[in-house]
Amino acid sequence: MTSDAAAAAADISQSSLSRVENAVVRIPPNTVKALLDVYGVTGERRDALLTLAREANRLGWWHAYGDVLPDWFEVYIDLEAEAETLSVYDHQFVNGLLQTEDYARALLTASRPEDRPEEIDWRVELHMARQAKVSNGKLRLHTIIEECVLHRTYGTQAVMSAQIDRMVQIARLSNVCVQVLPARSPVGVLGSFTLLEFTVADPSGVYLENEIGALYLEKPEQIRHYSRLYDRLRAVALSPEASVAHLAQMKE
């Protein structure tokens, strides 16, 4: 059976199957079940493999936040943890990988008023834990942020001032590039998105998030579309040096 045929029979993409087979990402138990059905694996061997899948997925540090982490975002966190490079465009708020603790708490409190205070605390902890891979240099991060985001206040002005300081600090890391997209920029994008790059052949994917779920796009033509869009955004955004200067000026 070819990988294309196996992926189609299991109702997953071929690139997803490739990442599993190359040990780039952990495999969700539901995908294991689908593949075992396709491959005709039964009995004790099937039970053992399903147990392994469940145990492997418990190893991720983010599973400690399972009570406040929806399944669709848990999949993204898993992919983010395995990615080598992220190219992010944000038009609504500062990305979680750049947020200060106070900004994250103010944003979550405003966007999730139904959550209990302890749930907000867990979500903030999750954002802070995700940032470790950026600060230790294990993830290359290129982020383009709309200028209007920097003028949208979450919390107090002191919170926003500290958030801008944080972005300036992160932008100086050798593995991070921050660009500000001026409000006058002649380019239109319908929503935020993230391009993920891994380390195996045909590794890329595009992550799109909304209020109640997310999409993970893997078809080559979809990836090409968002890659070209990101290139256009990068071309009209302020340079990394000018972006840092613009952020510093906002503090004056």
C-alpha atoms as a PDB file:
ATOM      1  CA  MET A   1       0.000   0.000   0.000  1.00  0.00           C
ATOM      2  CA  THR A   2       1.421   3.403  -0.931  1.00  0.00           C
ATOM      3  CA  SER A   3       1.510   6.238   1.581  1.00  0.00           C
ATOM      4  CA  ASP A   4      -1.020   8.136  -0.546  1.00  0.00           C
ATOM      5  CA  ALA A   5      -3.418   5.182  -0.490  1.00  0.00           C
ATOM      6  CA  ALA A   6      -2.957   4.611   3.242  1.00  0.00           C
ATOM      7  CA  ALA A   7      -3.506   8.288   4.054  1.00  0.00           C
ATOM      8  CA  ALA A   8      -6.628   8.429   1.899  1.00  0.00           C
ATOM      9  CA  ALA A   9      -8.055   5.273   3.483  1.00  0.00           C
ATOM     10  CA  ALA A  10      -7.411   6.650   6.990  1.00  0.00           C
ATOM     11  CA  ASP A  11      -8.860  10.048   6.007  1.00  0.00           C
ATOM     12  CA  ILE A  12      -5.678  11.988   6.828  1.00  0.00           C
ATOM     13  CA  SER A  13      -3.298  13.912   4.578  1.00  0.00           C
ATOM     14  CA  GLN A  14      -0.220  12.268   3.111  1.00  0.00           C
ATOM     15  CA  SER A  15       2.029  14.891   4.720  1.00  0.00           C
ATOM     16  CA  SER A  16       0.501  14.109   8.136  1.00  0.00           C
ATOM     17  CA  LEU A  17       1.260  10.433   7.635  1.00  0.00           C
ATOM     18  CA  SER A  18       4.797  11.340   6.532  1.00  0.00           C
ATOM     19  CA  ARG A  19       5.393  13.343   9.724  1.00  0.00           C
ATOM     20  CA  VAL A  20       4.172  10.429  11.819  1.00  0.00           C
ATOM     21  CA  GLU A  21       6.348   7.907   9.986  1.00  0.00           C
ATOM     22  CA  ASN A  22       9.398  10.165  10.292  1.00  0.00           C
ATOM     23  CA  ALA A  23       8.778  10.668  14.031  1.00  0.00           C
ATOM     24  CA  VAL A  24       8.344  14.428  13.639  1.00  0.00           C
ATOM     25  CA  VAL A  25       5.067  14.597  15.589  1.00  0.00           C
ATOM     26  CA  ARG A  26       3.295  12.391  18.075  1.00  0.00           C
ATOM     27  CA  ILE A  27       0.393  10.464  16.624  1.00  0.00           C
ATOM     28  CA  PRO A  28      -3.074  11.034  18.119  1.00  0.00           C
ATOM     29  CA  PRO A  29      -4.790   7.839  19.331  1.00  0.00           C
ATOM     30  CA  ASN A  30      -7.709   8.399  16.933  1.00  0.00           C
ATOM     31  CA  THR A  31      -5.290   8.436  14.006  1.00  0.00           C
ATOM     32  CA  VAL A  32      -3.681   5.257  15.331  1.00  0.00           C
ATOM     33  CA  LYS A  33      -7.095   3.608  15.380  1.00  0.00           C
ATOM     34  CA  ALA A  34      -7.790   4.679  11.804  1.00  0.00           C
ATOM     35  CA  LEU A  35      -4.444   3.393  10.553  1.00  0.00           C
ATOM     36  CA  LEU A  36      -4.800   0.095  12.431  1.00  0.00           C
ATOM     37  CA  ASP A  37      -8.166  -0.385  10.717  1.00  0.00           C
ATOM     38  CA  VAL A  38      -6.568   0.327   7.343  1.00  0.00           C
ATOM     39  CA  TYR A  39      -3.654  -2.026   8.004  1.00  0.00           C
ATOM     40  CA  GLY A  40      -5.843  -4.759   9.448  1.00  0.00           C
ATOM     41  CA  VAL A  41      -4.120  -4.907  12.836  1.00  0.00           C
ATOM     42  CA  THR A  42      -6.197  -6.668  15.496  1.00  0.00           C
ATOM     43  CA  GLY A  43      -5.955  -8.386  18.854  1.00  0.00           C
ATOM     44  CA  GLU A  44      -3.174  -7.885  21.374  1.00  0.00           C
ATOM     45  CA  ARG A  45      -0.930  -6.070  18.917  1.00  0.00           C
ATOM     46  CA  ARG A  46      -3.663  -3.507  18.270  1.00  0.00           C
ATOM     47  CA  ASP A  47      -4.237  -3.011  22.005  1.00  0.00           C
ATOM     48  CA  ALA A  48      -0.497  -2.585  22.617  1.00  0.00           C
ATOM     49  CA  LEU A  49      -0.130   0.031  19.884  1.00  0.00           C
ATOM     50  CA  LEU A  50      -3.124   1.998  21.133  1.00  0.00           C
ATOM     51  CA  THR A  51      -1.667   1.943  24.638  1.00  0.00           C
ATOM     52  CA  LEU A  52       1.651   3.210  23.304  1.00  0.00           C
ATOM     53  CA  ALA A  53      -0.118   6.027  21.471  1.00  0.00           C
ATOM     54  CA  ARG A  54      -1.961   7.104  24.605  1.00  0.00           C
ATOM     55  CA  GLU A  55       1.210   6.941  26.712  1.00  0.00           C
ATOM     56  CA  ALA A  56       3.267   8.872  24.152  1.00  0.00           C
ATOM     57  CA  ASN A  57       0.727  11.663  24.004  1.00  0.00           C
ATOM     58  CA  ARG A  58       0.807  12.011  27.779  1.00  0.00           C
ATOM     59  CA  LEU A  59       4.499  12.926  27.604  1.00  0.00           C
ATOM     60  CA  GLY A  60       3.891  16.432  26.266  1.00  0.00           C
ATOM     61  CA  TRP A  61       4.279  19.076  28.961  1.00  0.00           C
ATOM     62  CA  TRP A  62       1.113  20.805  27.679  1.00  0.00           C
ATOM     63  CA  HIS A  63      -1.087  17.889  28.710  1.00  0.00           C
ATOM     64  CA  ALA A  64      -0.943  19.220  32.256  1.00  0.00           C
ATOM     65  CA  TYR A  65      -3.247  21.954  30.944  1.00  0.00           C
ATOM     66  CA  GLY A  66      -5.745  19.534  29.412  1.00  0.00           C
ATOM     67  CA  ASP A  67      -8.642  20.888  31.473  1.00  0.00           C
ATOM     68  CA  VAL A  68      -8.422  24.294  29.761  1.00  0.00           C
ATOM     69  CA  LEU A  69      -6.933  23.216  26.429  1.00  0.00           C
ATOM     70  CA  PRO A  70      -9.437  22.383  23.662  1.00  0.00           C
ATOM     71  CA  ASP A  71      -8.572  19.357  21.521  1.00  0.00           C
ATOM     72  CA  TRP A  72      -8.057  21.415  18.375  1.00  0.00           C
ATOM     73  CA  PHE A  73      -5.537  23.695  20.094  1.00  0.00           C
ATOM     74  CA  GLU A  74      -3.782  20.751  21.703  1.00  0.00           C
ATOM     75  CA  VAL A  75      -3.045  19.472  18.190  1.00  0.00           C
ATOM     76  CA  TYR A  76      -1.514  22.837  17.305  1.00  0.00           C
ATOM     77  CA  ILE A  77       0.615  22.943  20.474  1.00  0.00           C
ATOM     78  CA  ASP A  78       1.940  19.506  19.571  1.00  0.00           C
ATOM     79  CA  LEU A  79       2.856  20.720  16.072  1.00  0.00           C
ATOM     80  CA  GLU A  80       4.332  23.958  17.404  1.00  0.00           C
ATOM     81  CA  ALA A  81       6.524  21.996  19.792  1.00  0.00           C
ATOM     82  CA  GLU A  82       7.934  19.956  16.902  1.00  0.00           C
ATOM     83  CA  ALA A  83       8.293  22.815  14.396  1.00  0.00           C
ATOM     84  CA  GLU A  84      11.652  24.253  13.400  1.00  0.00           C
ATOM     85  CA  THR A  85      10.350  27.583  12.069  1.00  0.00           C
ATOM     86  CA  LEU A  86       7.141  29.577  12.562  1.00  0.00           C
ATOM     87  CA  SER A  87       6.088  32.470  10.336  1.00  0.00           C
ATOM     88  CA  VAL A  88       3.215  34.264  12.051  1.00  0.00           C
ATOM     89  CA  TYR A  89       0.873  37.055  11.001  1.00  0.00           C
ATOM     90  CA  ASP A  90      -1.295  38.638  13.715  1.00  0.00           C
ATOM     91  CA  HIS A  91      -3.954  41.284  13.140  1.00  0.00           C
ATOM     92  CA  GLN A  92      -5.975  41.101  16.360  1.00  0.00           C
ATOM     93  CA  PHE A  93      -3.590  40.786  19.302  1.00  0.00           C
ATOM     94  CA  VAL A  94       0.042  40.064  20.160  1.00  0.00           C
ATOM     95  CA  ASN A  95       0.925  36.428  19.549  1.00  0.00           C
ATOM     96  CA  GLY A  96       1.070  34.151  22.578  1.00  0.00           C
ATOM     97  CA  LEU A  97       4.778  33.494  21.973  1.00  0.00           C
ATOM     98  CA  LEU A  98       5.485  37.204  22.559  1.00  0.00           C
ATOM     99  CA  GLN A  99       3.025  38.053  25.331  1.00  0.00           C
ATOM    100  CA  THR A 100       3.925  39.181  28.816  1.00  0.00           C
ATOM    101  CA  GLU A 101       2.102  37.499  31.667  1.00  0.00           C
ATOM    102  CA  ASP A 102       0.056  40.635  32.434  1.00  0.00           C
ATOM    103  CA  TYR A 103      -0.925  41.157  28.787  1.00  0.00           C
ATOM    104  CA  ALA A 104      -1.926  37.491  28.455  1.00  0.00           C
ATOM    105  CA  ARG A 105      -4.067  37.694  31.576  1.00  0.00           C
ATOM    106  CA  ALA A 106      -5.776  40.926  30.477  1.00  0.00           C
ATOM    107  CA  LEU A 107      -6.439  39.526  26.989  1.00  0.00           C
ATOM    108  CA  LEU A 108      -7.822  36.227  28.278  1.00  0.00           C
ATOM    109  CA  THR A 109      -9.977  37.978  30.865  1.00  0.00           C
ATOM    110  CA  ALA A 110     -11.483  40.164  28.131  1.00  0.00           C
ATOM    111  CA  SER A 111     -11.968  37.382  25.585  1.00  0.00           C
ATOM    112  CA  ARG A 112     -13.082  34.602  27.960  1.00  0.00           C
ATOM    113  CA  PRO A 113     -15.286  36.288  30.609  1.00  0.00           C
ATOM    114  CA  GLU A 114     -16.941  32.955  31.415  1.00  0.00           C
ATOM    115  CA  ASP A 115     -13.673  31.394  32.636  1.00  0.00           C
ATOM    116  CA  ARG A 116     -12.933  31.064  36.342  1.00  0.00           C
ATOM    117  CA  PRO A 117      -9.852  32.950  37.647  1.00  0.00           C
ATOM    118  CA  GLU A 118      -7.936  29.686  38.081  1.00  0.00           C
ATOM    119  CA  GLU A 119      -8.673  28.731  34.482  1.00  0.00           C
ATOM    120  CA  ILE A 120      -7.286  32.073  33.317  1.00  0.00           C
ATOM    121  CA  ASP A 121      -4.179  31.402  35.433  1.00  0.00           C
ATOM    122  CA  TRP A 122      -3.683  27.998  33.769  1.00  0.00           C
ATOM    123  CA  ARG A 123      -4.019  29.500  30.308  1.00  0.00           C
ATOM    124  CA  VAL A 124      -1.494  32.209  31.161  1.00  0.00           C
ATOM    125  CA  GLU A 125       0.923  29.552  32.437  1.00  0.00           C
ATOM    126  CA  LEU A 126       0.502  27.675  29.166  1.00  0.00           C
ATOM    127  CA  HIS A 127       1.416  30.759  27.116  1.00  0.00           C
ATOM    128  CA  MET A 128       4.495  31.370  29.255  1.00  0.00           C
ATOM    129  CA  ALA A 129       5.593  27.737  28.958  1.00  0.00           C
ATOM    130  CA  ARG A 130       5.255  27.846  25.152  1.00  0.00           C
ATOM    131  CA  GLN A 131       7.768  30.697  25.040  1.00  0.00           C
ATOM    132  CA  ALA A 132      10.631  28.566  26.339  1.00  0.00           C
ATOM    133  CA  LYS A 133      11.406  27.228  22.861  1.00  0.00           C
ATOM    134  CA  VAL A 134      11.775  30.797  21.595  1.00  0.00           C
ATOM    135  CA  SER A 135      13.929  32.091  24.450  1.00  0.00           C
ATOM    136  CA  ASN A 136      16.280  29.074  24.336  1.00  0.00           C
ATOM    137  CA  GLY A 137      16.814  29.449  20.583  1.00  0.00           C
ATOM    138  CA  LYS A 138      15.264  26.128  19.574  1.00  0.00           C
ATOM    139  CA  LEU A 139      12.585  27.773  17.418  1.00  0.00           C
ATOM    140  CA  ARG A 140      13.060  30.290  14.618  1.00  0.00           C
ATOM    141  CA  LEU A 141      10.231  32.818  14.817  1.00  0.00           C
ATOM    142  CA  HIS A 142       9.301  35.412  12.217  1.00  0.00           C
ATOM    143  CA  THR A 143       6.296  37.461  13.239  1.00  0.00           C
ATOM    144  CA  ILE A 144       4.458  40.246  11.417  1.00  0.00           C
ATOM    145  CA  ILE A 145       2.090  42.241  13.574  1.00  0.00           C
ATOM    146  CA  GLU A 146      -0.437  44.865  12.524  1.00  0.00           C
ATOM    147  CA  GLU A 147       0.319  48.332  13.868  1.00  0.00           C
ATOM    148  CA  CYS A 148      -3.271  48.657  15.105  1.00  0.00           C
ATOM    149  CA  VAL A 149      -2.677  45.753  17.506  1.00  0.00           C
ATOM    150  CA  LEU A 150      -0.123  47.855  19.345  1.00  0.00           C
ATOM    151  CA  HIS A 151      -2.747  50.573  19.929  1.00  0.00           C
ATOM    152  CA  ARG A 152      -5.435  48.195  21.188  1.00  0.00           C
ATOM    153  CA  THR A 153      -5.234  48.328  24.965  1.00  0.00           C
ATOM    154  CA  TYR A 154      -5.595  45.194  27.068  1.00  0.00           C
ATOM    155  CA  GLY A 155      -5.290  45.955  30.756  1.00  0.00           C
ATOM    156  CA  THR A 156      -3.676  49.278  31.627  1.00  0.00           C
ATOM    157  CA  GLN A 157      -1.254  51.507  29.740  1.00  0.00           C
ATOM    158  CA  ALA A 158       1.476  50.122  32.003  1.00  0.00           C
ATOM    159  CA  VAL A 159       0.612  46.613  30.790  1.00  0.00           C
ATOM    160  CA  MET A 160       0.841  47.741  27.164  1.00  0.00           C
ATOM    161  CA  SER A 161       4.111  49.562  27.801  1.00  0.00           C
ATOM    162  CA  ALA A 162       5.627  46.429  29.324  1.00  0.00           C
ATOM    163  CA  GLN A 163       4.321  44.389  26.383  1.00  0.00           C
ATOM    164  CA  ILE A 164       6.084  46.646  23.898  1.00  0.00           C
ATOM    165  CA  ASP A 165       9.286  46.382  25.963  1.00  0.00           C
ATOM    166  CA  ARG A 166       8.965  42.617  25.793  1.00  0.00           C
ATOM    167  CA  MET A 167       8.623  42.676  21.998  1.00  0.00           C
ATOM    168  CA  VAL A 168      11.731  44.837  21.664  1.00  0.00           C
ATOM    169  CA  GLN A 169      13.695  42.416  23.837  1.00  0.00           C
ATOM    170  CA  ILE A 170      12.545  39.362  21.905  1.00  0.00           C
ATOM    171  CA  ALA A 171      13.220  41.047  18.556  1.00  0.00           C
ATOM    172  CA  ARG A 172      16.894  41.257  19.511  1.00  0.00           C
ATOM    173  CA  LEU A 173      17.229  37.477  19.788  1.00  0.00           C
ATOM    174  CA  SER A 174      19.162  35.938  16.902  1.00  0.00           C
ATOM    175  CA  ASN A 175      16.386  33.415  16.189  1.00  0.00           C
ATOM    176  CA  VAL A 176      13.568  36.002  16.143  1.00  0.00           C
ATOM    177  CA  CYS A 177      12.482  38.567  13.559  1.00  0.00           C
ATOM    178  CA  VAL A 178       9.694  41.051  14.367  1.00  0.00           C
ATOM    179  CA  GLN A 179       8.118  43.278  11.714  1.00  0.00           C
ATOM    180  CA  VAL A 180       5.381  45.865  12.198  1.00  0.00           C
ATOM    181  CA  LEU A 181       2.852  46.253   9.387  1.00  0.00           C
ATOM    182  CA  PRO A 182       1.862  49.963   9.169  1.00  0.00           C
ATOM    183  CA  ALA A 183      -1.842  50.758   9.039  1.00  0.00           C
ATOM    184  CA  ARG A 184      -1.353  52.400   5.642  1.00  0.00           C
ATOM    185  CA  SER A 185       0.096  49.226   4.070  1.00  0.00           C
ATOM    186  CA  PRO A 186      -1.676  48.356   0.772  1.00  0.00           C
ATOM    187  CA  VAL A 187      -2.356  44.706   1.485  1.00  0.00           C
ATOM    188  CA  GLY A 188      -5.497  43.002   2.727  1.00  0.00           C
ATOM    189  CA  VAL A 189      -5.629  39.769   4.732  1.00  0.00           C
ATOM    190  CA  LEU A 190      -8.809  38.212   6.084  1.00  0.00           C
ATOM    191  CA  GLY A 191      -7.324  36.844   9.293  1.00  0.00           C
ATOM    192  CA  SER A 192      -4.287  35.802  11.283  1.00  0.00           C
ATOM    193  CA  PHE A 193      -2.380  32.693  10.244  1.00  0.00           C
ATOM    194  CA  THR A 194       0.744  30.692  11.038  1.00  0.00           C
ATOM    195  CA  LEU A 195       3.073  28.872   8.642  1.00  0.00           C
ATOM    196  CA  LEU A 196       4.853  25.935  10.282  1.00  0.00           C
ATOM    197  CA  GLU A 197       8.018  24.371   8.887  1.00  0.00           C
ATOM    198  CA  PHE A 198       9.432  21.034  10.029  1.00  0.00           C
ATOM    199  CA  THR A 199      12.600  19.164   9.177  1.00  0.00           C
ATOM    200  CA  VAL A 200      11.420  16.449   6.772  1.00  0.00           C
ATOM    201  CA  ALA A 201      10.541  16.612   3.076  1.00  0.00           C
ATOM    202  CA  ASP A 202       7.255  18.403   2.293  1.00  0.00           C
ATOM    203  CA  PRO A 203       6.958  19.483   5.898  1.00  0.00           C
ATOM    204  CA  SER A 204       5.040  22.718   5.839  1.00  0.00           C
ATOM    205  CA  GLY A 205       1.532  23.449   7.027  1.00  0.00           C
ATOM    206  CA  VAL A 206      -0.743  26.426   7.642  1.00  0.00           C
ATOM    207  CA  TYR A 207      -2.684  26.928  10.862  1.00  0.00           C
ATOM    208  CA  LEU A 208      -5.859  29.045  10.940  1.00  0.00           C
ATOM    209  CA  GLU A 209      -7.755  29.627  14.178  1.00  0.00           C
ATOM    210  CA  ASN A 210     -11.215  30.957  15.013  1.00  0.00           C
ATOM    211  CA  GLU A 211     -13.389  31.239  18.104  1.00  0.00           C
ATOM    212  CA  ILE A 212     -14.559  27.628  18.197  1.00  0.00           C
ATOM    213  CA  GLY A 213     -11.944  25.647  16.301  1.00  0.00           C
ATOM    214  CA  ALA A 214      -9.079  25.649  13.864  1.00  0.00           C
ATOM    215  CA  LEU A 215      -8.003  24.463  10.424  1.00  0.00           C
ATOM    216  CA  TYR A 216      -4.677  22.901   9.543  1.00  0.00           C
ATOM    217  CA  LEU A 217      -3.992  23.164   5.808  1.00  0.00           C
ATOM    218  CA  GLU A 218      -1.454  20.842   4.190  1.00  0.00           C
ATOM    219  CA  LYS A 219      -2.164  20.757   0.457  1.00  0.00           C
ATOM    220  CA  PRO A 220       0.754  22.152  -1.587  1.00  0.00           C
ATOM    221  CA  GLU A 221      -1.394  24.747  -3.328  1.00  0.00           C
ATOM    222  CA  GLN A 222      -2.733  25.976   0.044  1.00  0.00           C
ATOM    223  CA  ILE A 223       0.771  26.273   1.465  1.00  0.00           C
ATOM    224  CA  ARG A 224       1.977  28.099  -1.654  1.00  0.00           C
ATOM    225  CA  HIS A 225      -0.913  30.571  -1.379  1.00  0.00           C
ATOM    226  CA  TYR A 226      -0.111  31.476   2.234  1.00  0.00           C
ATOM    227  CA  SER A 227       3.642  31.499   1.600  1.00  0.00           C
ATOM    228  CA  ARG A 228       3.159  34.031  -1.204  1.00  0.00           C
ATOM    229  CA  LEU A 229       0.814  36.061   1.013  1.00  0.00           C
ATOM    230  CA  TYR A 230       3.404  36.085   3.791  1.00  0.00           C
ATOM    231  CA  ASP A 231       6.064  37.251   1.354  1.00  0.00           C
ATOM    232  CA  ARG A 232       3.815  40.153   0.318  1.00  0.00           C
ATOM    233  CA  LEU A 233       3.225  41.094   3.957  1.00  0.00           C
ATOM    234  CA  ARG A 234       6.934  40.941   4.703  1.00  0.00           C
ATOM    235  CA  ALA A 235       7.719  43.167   1.717  1.00  0.00           C
ATOM    236  CA  VAL A 236       5.356  45.990   2.776  1.00  0.00           C
ATOM    237  CA  ALA A 237       6.008  45.761   6.531  1.00  0.00           C
ATOM    238  CA  LEU A 238       8.664  47.863   8.208  1.00  0.00           C
ATOM    239  CA  SER A 239      12.098  46.277   8.173  1.00  0.00           C
ATOM    240  CA  PRO A 240      13.136  44.441  11.354  1.00  0.00           C
ATOM    241  CA  GLU A 241      15.391  47.375  12.319  1.00  0.00           C
ATOM    242  CA  ALA A 242      12.707  49.974  11.583  1.00  0.00           C
ATOM    243  CA  SER A 243      10.150  47.881  13.451  1.00  0.00           C
ATOM    244  CA  VAL A 244      12.272  47.826  16.610  1.00  0.00           C
ATOM    245  CA  ALA A 245      12.771  51.585  16.294  1.00  0.00           C
ATOM    246  CA  HIS A 246       9.015  52.063  15.834  1.00  0.00           C
ATOM    247  CA  LEU A 247       8.292  49.997  18.931  1.00  0.00           C
ATOM    248  CA  ALA A 248      10.858  51.956  20.950  1.00  0.00           C
ATOM    249  CA  GLN A 249       9.346  55.244  19.740  1.00  0.00           C
ATOM    250  CA  MET A 250       5.926  54.181  20.998  1.00  0.00           C
ATOM    251  CA  LYS A 251       7.415  54.183  24.478  1.00  0.00           C
ATOM    252  CA  GLU A 252       8.458  57.834  24.286  1.00  0.00           C
END
